[in-house]
Amino acid sequence: MVLSATSWDQVLAVRQQHPGEKYLLQALVTPQILEGRPAWFRVLVCDGALYLVGGTRYPYLFPLTAEQRFRFGLRKLRDIAARIAQICRLQLFSTEIALTGKAVYW
């Protein structure tokens, strides 16, 4: 596992050292700050129902009010999770989603 690659050349160098391995690349995500908290969210999907909370892990999870969901434009997070459920045909899962100001990452 390489946690500090910051360029494609570094990724290629690691691949040359371990040519038989498979790799998963993930962008370094820096979320926006909303009301003093990082804009990381968890969407829980259970039998077609979607639940959105702020934070990503206990003890940092916090409930979101309807007003916050509207004000921050979080409907798109529910839409992303609903699409994942539809494509994967999953009845139970959770996903982490970050708002960065440039893109939404999950």
Protein backbone atom coordinates (compact mmCIF):
# COMPACT_ATOMS: atom_id res chain seq x y z
CA MET A 1 0.00 0.00 0.00
CA VAL A 2 1.34 3.39 -0.98
CA LEU A 3 -0.28 6.34 0.75
CA SER A 4 1.91 9.18 -0.43
CA ALA A 5 1.97 9.03 -4.23
CA THR A 6 1.33 12.50 -5.58
CA SER A 7 2.11 12.03 -9.27
CA TRP A 8 1.50 9.56 -12.04
CA ASP A 9 5.27 8.94 -12.28
CA GLN A 10 5.27 7.72 -8.66
CA VAL A 11 2.39 5.36 -9.43
CA LEU A 12 4.26 3.97 -12.45
CA ALA A 13 7.42 3.46 -10.37
CA VAL A 14 5.52 1.38 -7.80
CA ARG A 15 3.88 -0.64 -10.58
CA GLN A 16 7.31 -1.41 -12.03
CA GLN A 17 8.48 -2.66 -8.62
CA HIS A 18 5.43 -4.97 -8.32
CA PRO A 19 4.31 -5.72 -11.90
CA GLY A 20 2.10 -8.68 -11.00
CA GLU A 21 -0.05 -6.80 -8.50
CA LYS A 22 -3.42 -5.18 -9.06
CA TYR A 23 -3.91 -1.58 -7.97
CA LEU A 24 -6.68 0.63 -6.76
CA LEU A 25 -6.07 4.36 -7.02
CA GLN A 26 -7.96 6.85 -4.92
CA ALA A 27 -7.79 10.60 -5.13
CA LEU A 28 -6.82 12.55 -2.04
CA VAL A 29 -10.06 14.27 -1.11
CA THR A 30 -10.18 17.47 0.89
CA PRO A 31 -13.78 18.26 1.79
CA GLN A 32 -15.32 21.71 2.10
CA ILE A 33 -16.00 22.99 5.60
CA LEU A 34 -19.71 23.48 6.33
CA GLU A 35 -20.69 25.02 9.66
CA GLY A 36 -17.24 24.27 11.05
CA ARG A 37 -17.25 20.57 10.09
CA PRO A 38 -15.70 18.73 7.14
CA ALA A 39 -18.35 18.01 4.49
CA TRP A 40 -18.08 14.22 4.79
CA PHE A 41 -21.36 12.38 4.79
CA ARG A 42 -22.55 8.81 5.14
CA VAL A 43 -25.60 7.57 3.29
CA LEU A 44 -27.14 4.37 4.64
CA VAL A 45 -29.41 2.37 2.36
CA CYS A 46 -31.71 -0.21 3.92
CA ASP A 47 -34.42 -1.96 1.90
CA GLY A 48 -35.00 1.05 -0.34
CA ALA A 49 -34.94 3.67 2.43
CA LEU A 50 -32.05 6.17 2.43
CA TYR A 51 -30.67 7.80 5.57
CA LEU A 52 -28.19 10.68 5.42
CA VAL A 53 -25.97 11.66 8.33
CA GLY A 54 -23.00 13.98 8.67
CA GLY A 55 -19.56 12.63 9.47
CA THR A 56 -18.28 9.23 8.41
CA ARG A 57 -17.50 7.22 11.55
CA TYR A 58 -18.59 6.96 15.14
CA PRO A 59 -18.19 9.07 17.29
CA TYR A 60 -18.19 11.80 14.63
CA LEU A 61 -21.57 11.04 13.07
CA PHE A 62 -24.20 13.72 13.58
CA PRO A 63 -27.81 14.07 12.42
CA LEU A 64 -28.67 16.52 9.68
CA THR A 65 -31.78 18.63 9.84
CA ALA A 66 -34.08 19.00 6.84
CA GLU A 67 -33.02 22.66 6.70
CA GLN A 68 -29.31 21.70 6.52
CA ARG A 69 -29.98 19.11 3.81
CA PHE A 70 -31.79 21.78 1.77
CA ARG A 71 -29.32 24.60 2.46
CA PHE A 72 -26.25 22.51 1.58
CA GLY A 73 -27.89 20.97 -1.50
CA LEU A 74 -27.49 17.42 -0.23
CA ARG A 75 -30.26 15.90 -2.36
CA LYS A 76 -27.57 14.86 -4.84
CA LEU A 77 -26.02 12.62 -2.16
CA ARG A 78 -29.27 10.68 -1.84
CA ASP A 79 -29.47 10.51 -5.64
CA ILE A 80 -25.93 9.03 -5.82
CA ALA A 81 -26.73 6.38 -3.22
CA ALA A 82 -30.03 5.52 -4.92
CA ARG A 83 -28.18 5.07 -8.22
CA ILE A 84 -25.57 2.80 -6.59
CA ALA A 85 -28.39 0.69 -5.11
CA GLN A 86 -30.10 0.48 -8.50
CA ILE A 87 -26.96 -0.50 -10.41
CA CYS A 88 -25.64 -3.00 -7.85
CA ARG A 89 -29.07 -4.25 -6.76
CA LEU A 90 -28.03 -3.91 -3.13
CA GLN A 91 -30.66 -3.75 -0.42
CA LEU A 92 -28.27 -2.87 2.41
CA PHE A 93 -25.08 -0.81 2.20
CA SER A 94 -23.51 2.48 3.19
CA THR A 95 -21.27 4.85 1.33
CA GLU A 96 -19.14 7.83 2.30
CA ILE A 97 -19.49 10.95 0.18
CA ALA A 98 -17.50 14.20 0.38
CA LEU A 99 -18.37 17.62 -0.98
CA THR A 100 -15.22 19.35 -2.17
CA GLY A 101 -16.54 22.41 -3.96
CA LYS A 102 -15.22 20.95 -7.22
CA ALA A 103 -16.77 17.49 -7.33
CA VAL A 104 -18.60 14.94 -5.24
CA TYR A 105 -16.52 11.90 -4.30
CA TRP A 106 -17.78 8.58 -3.01
